[in-house]
């Protein structure tokens, strides 16, 4: 009986191990794929998502850029 319980627990735990395979890259690529499917058959939109590497490059630029002056609020 304990062997059967052990096997059952292992079989239940295996699918949960795949949850670690979800990365920010895979999520981004999923959005890109959905956008391509949605826009299939239409002219290429100018706001199409670029590659993940280009996204990371732009994100790095935005993080390293100094913040500009904050505009004063007018009453």
N, C-alpha and C. Protein backbone atom coordinates (compact mmCIF):
# COMPACT_ATOMS: atom_id res chain seq x y z
N UNK A 1 0.81 -1.20 0.00
CA UNK A 1 0.00 0.00 0.00
C UNK A 1 0.86 1.27 0.00
N UNK A 2 1.92 1.37 0.83
CA UNK A 2 2.76 2.57 0.81
C UNK A 2 3.42 2.80 -0.56
N UNK A 3 3.75 1.72 -1.26
CA UNK A 3 4.34 1.86 -2.60
C UNK A 3 3.34 2.49 -3.55
N UNK A 4 2.11 2.07 -3.48
CA UNK A 4 1.06 2.62 -4.34
C UNK A 4 0.84 4.10 -4.03
N UNK A 5 0.88 4.45 -2.76
CA UNK A 5 0.72 5.84 -2.35
C UNK A 5 1.90 6.68 -2.86
N UNK A 6 3.09 6.15 -2.78
CA UNK A 6 4.28 6.86 -3.26
C UNK A 6 4.20 7.10 -4.76
N UNK A 7 3.80 6.09 -5.49
CA UNK A 7 3.68 6.22 -6.94
C UNK A 7 2.61 7.25 -7.29
N UNK A 8 1.51 7.23 -6.58
CA UNK A 8 0.43 8.19 -6.83
C UNK A 8 0.91 9.62 -6.57
N UNK A 9 1.66 9.83 -5.50
CA UNK A 9 2.17 11.16 -5.19
C UNK A 9 3.15 11.65 -6.26
N UNK A 10 3.99 10.76 -6.74
CA UNK A 10 4.95 11.13 -7.79
C UNK A 10 4.20 11.50 -9.06
N UNK A 11 3.20 10.73 -9.42
CA UNK A 11 2.44 11.01 -10.64
C UNK A 11 1.66 12.32 -10.52
N UNK A 12 1.22 12.66 -9.33
CA UNK A 12 0.53 13.93 -9.13
C UNK A 12 1.49 15.11 -9.13
N UNK A 13 2.72 14.89 -8.70
CA UNK A 13 3.70 15.98 -8.61
C UNK A 13 4.35 16.29 -9.96
N UNK A 14 4.38 15.35 -10.88
CA UNK A 14 5.04 15.58 -12.17
C UNK A 14 4.48 16.76 -12.95
N UNK A 15 3.16 16.88 -13.10
CA UNK A 15 2.65 18.03 -13.86
C UNK A 15 2.97 19.37 -13.19
N UNK A 16 3.09 19.39 -11.89
CA UNK A 16 3.40 20.65 -11.20
C UNK A 16 4.83 21.10 -11.46
N UNK A 17 5.71 20.19 -11.78
CA UNK A 17 7.09 20.54 -12.09
C UNK A 17 7.21 21.35 -13.36
N UNK A 18 6.27 21.19 -14.26
CA UNK A 18 6.30 21.93 -15.52
C UNK A 18 5.99 23.41 -15.32
N UNK A 19 5.42 23.77 -14.20
CA UNK A 19 5.10 25.18 -13.94
C UNK A 19 6.36 26.04 -13.90
N UNK A 20 7.47 25.45 -13.57
CA UNK A 20 8.73 26.19 -13.52
C UNK A 20 9.26 26.54 -14.89
N UNK A 21 8.69 25.97 -15.94
CA UNK A 21 9.16 26.23 -17.29
C UNK A 21 8.59 27.52 -17.86
N UNK A 22 7.66 28.15 -17.17
CA UNK A 22 7.07 29.40 -17.64
C UNK A 22 8.03 30.53 -17.31
N UNK A 23 8.47 31.23 -18.34
CA UNK A 23 9.39 32.34 -18.14
C UNK A 23 8.80 33.60 -18.75
N UNK A 24 9.43 34.72 -18.48
CA UNK A 24 8.94 35.97 -19.06
C UNK A 24 9.05 35.93 -20.57
N UNK A 25 10.08 35.25 -21.07
CA UNK A 25 10.25 35.12 -22.52
C UNK A 25 9.09 34.34 -23.13
N UNK A 26 8.69 33.23 -22.51
CA UNK A 26 7.61 32.42 -23.07
C UNK A 26 6.28 33.16 -23.03
N UNK A 27 6.06 33.95 -21.98
CA UNK A 27 4.84 34.74 -21.89
C UNK A 27 4.82 35.79 -23.01
N UNK A 28 5.95 36.48 -23.21
CA UNK A 28 6.05 37.51 -24.25
C UNK A 28 5.85 36.88 -25.63
N UNK A 29 6.48 35.74 -25.88
CA UNK A 29 6.32 35.07 -27.18
C UNK A 29 4.88 34.61 -27.38
N UNK A 30 4.20 34.25 -26.30
CA UNK A 30 2.79 33.88 -26.41
C UNK A 30 1.94 35.05 -26.85
N UNK A 31 2.21 36.23 -26.29
CA UNK A 31 1.49 37.43 -26.71
C UNK A 31 1.77 37.76 -28.17
N UNK A 32 3.03 37.62 -28.59
CA UNK A 32 3.39 37.88 -29.99
C UNK A 32 2.64 36.94 -30.92
N UNK A 33 2.58 35.67 -30.56
CA UNK A 33 1.90 34.67 -31.38
C UNK A 33 0.41 34.99 -31.47
N UNK A 34 -0.20 35.35 -30.35
CA UNK A 34 -1.62 35.71 -30.37
C UNK A 34 -1.87 36.91 -31.26
N UNK A 35 -0.97 37.89 -31.21
CA UNK A 35 -1.14 39.08 -32.04
C UNK A 35 -1.01 38.71 -33.52
N UNK A 36 -0.05 37.85 -33.86
CA UNK A 36 0.12 37.45 -35.26
C UNK A 36 -1.11 36.69 -35.76
N UNK A 37 -1.67 35.83 -34.93
CA UNK A 37 -2.85 35.06 -35.33
C UNK A 37 -4.03 36.00 -35.53
N UNK A 38 -4.19 36.95 -34.62
CA UNK A 38 -5.30 37.89 -34.70
C UNK A 38 -5.19 38.76 -35.95
N UNK A 39 -3.97 39.15 -36.31
CA UNK A 39 -3.75 40.03 -37.44
C UNK A 39 -3.52 39.30 -38.76
N UNK A 40 -3.68 37.98 -38.78
CA UNK A 40 -3.44 37.21 -40.01
C UNK A 40 -4.39 37.66 -41.11
N UNK A 41 -3.83 37.86 -42.30
CA UNK A 41 -4.64 38.26 -43.45
C UNK A 41 -4.83 39.75 -43.58
N UNK A 42 -4.27 40.52 -42.68
CA UNK A 42 -4.36 41.98 -42.76
C UNK A 42 -2.96 42.54 -43.00
N UNK A 43 -2.88 43.76 -43.51
CA UNK A 43 -1.54 44.35 -43.67
C UNK A 43 -0.84 44.43 -42.32
N UNK A 44 0.48 44.33 -42.35
CA UNK A 44 1.26 44.33 -41.11
C UNK A 44 1.05 45.64 -40.35
N UNK A 45 0.59 45.58 -39.10
CA UNK A 45 0.40 46.80 -38.32
C UNK A 45 1.75 47.39 -37.92
N UNK A 46 1.79 48.70 -37.75
CA UNK A 46 3.04 49.35 -37.36
C UNK A 46 3.36 49.13 -35.89
N UNK A 47 2.37 48.73 -35.10
CA UNK A 47 2.61 48.52 -33.68
C UNK A 47 2.82 47.05 -33.33
N UNK A 48 3.27 46.25 -34.31
CA UNK A 48 3.51 44.83 -34.05
C UNK A 48 4.63 44.67 -33.04
N UNK A 49 4.51 43.67 -32.19
CA UNK A 49 5.52 43.42 -31.17
C UNK A 49 6.80 42.90 -31.82
N UNK A 50 7.93 43.39 -31.36
CA UNK A 50 9.22 42.92 -31.86
C UNK A 50 9.65 41.66 -31.13
N UNK A 51 10.90 41.28 -31.33
CA UNK A 51 11.40 40.08 -30.67
C UNK A 51 11.60 40.35 -29.18
N UNK A 52 11.73 39.29 -28.42
CA UNK A 52 11.94 39.43 -26.98
C UNK A 52 13.27 40.11 -26.70
N UNK A 53 14.28 39.81 -27.52
CA UNK A 53 15.59 40.43 -27.31
C UNK A 53 15.51 41.94 -27.52
N UNK A 54 14.75 42.38 -28.52
CA UNK A 54 14.57 43.82 -28.75
C UNK A 54 13.81 44.44 -27.58
N UNK A 55 12.85 43.73 -27.06
CA UNK A 55 12.09 44.20 -25.90
C UNK A 55 13.01 44.39 -24.70
N UNK A 56 13.86 43.40 -24.44
CA UNK A 56 14.79 43.49 -23.32
C UNK A 56 15.75 44.67 -23.50
N UNK A 57 16.20 44.90 -24.74
CA UNK A 57 17.12 45.99 -25.03
C UNK A 57 16.46 47.34 -24.74
N UNK A 58 15.22 47.52 -25.20
CA UNK A 58 14.48 48.76 -24.96
C UNK A 58 14.21 48.94 -23.47
N UNK A 59 13.90 47.86 -22.80
CA UNK A 59 13.61 47.92 -21.37
C UNK A 59 14.87 48.33 -20.60
N UNK A 60 16.01 47.80 -21.03
CA UNK A 60 17.27 48.16 -20.38
C UNK A 60 17.61 49.63 -20.58
N UNK A 61 17.31 50.15 -21.77
CA UNK A 61 17.55 51.57 -22.04
C UNK A 61 16.67 52.43 -21.13
N UNK A 62 15.41 52.04 -21.00
CA UNK A 62 14.47 52.81 -20.19
C UNK A 62 14.89 52.81 -18.72
N UNK A 63 15.42 51.68 -18.25
CA UNK A 63 15.83 51.60 -16.85
C UNK A 63 17.07 52.44 -16.58
N UNK A 64 17.98 52.48 -17.56
CA UNK A 64 19.23 53.19 -17.33
C UNK A 64 19.14 54.68 -17.64
N UNK A 65 18.09 55.10 -18.36
CA UNK A 65 17.94 56.52 -18.69
C UNK A 65 17.58 57.30 -17.44
N UNK A 66 18.23 58.47 -17.25
CA UNK A 66 17.88 59.27 -16.08
C UNK A 66 16.47 59.84 -16.23
N UNK A 67 15.81 59.97 -15.12
CA UNK A 67 14.44 60.51 -15.14
C UNK A 67 14.51 61.99 -15.43
N UNK A 68 13.63 62.46 -16.28
CA UNK A 68 13.58 63.87 -16.65
C UNK A 68 12.94 64.68 -15.55
N UNK A 69 12.98 66.00 -15.70
CA UNK A 69 12.36 66.86 -14.66
C UNK A 69 10.85 66.63 -14.65
N UNK A 70 10.29 66.67 -13.47
CA UNK A 70 8.86 66.48 -13.31
C UNK A 70 8.19 67.84 -13.55
N UNK A 71 7.21 67.90 -14.48
CA UNK A 71 6.55 69.18 -14.74
C UNK A 71 5.75 69.62 -13.52
N UNK A 72 5.77 70.92 -13.30
CA UNK A 72 5.03 71.48 -12.16
C UNK A 72 3.54 71.45 -12.46
N UNK A 73 2.76 71.19 -11.44
CA UNK A 73 1.31 71.17 -11.62
C UNK A 73 0.78 72.59 -11.66
N UNK A 74 -0.14 72.81 -12.57
CA UNK A 74 -0.76 74.15 -12.61
C UNK A 74 -2.05 74.12 -11.82
N UNK A 75 -2.35 75.20 -11.13
CA UNK A 75 -3.54 75.22 -10.26
C UNK A 75 -4.83 75.22 -11.02
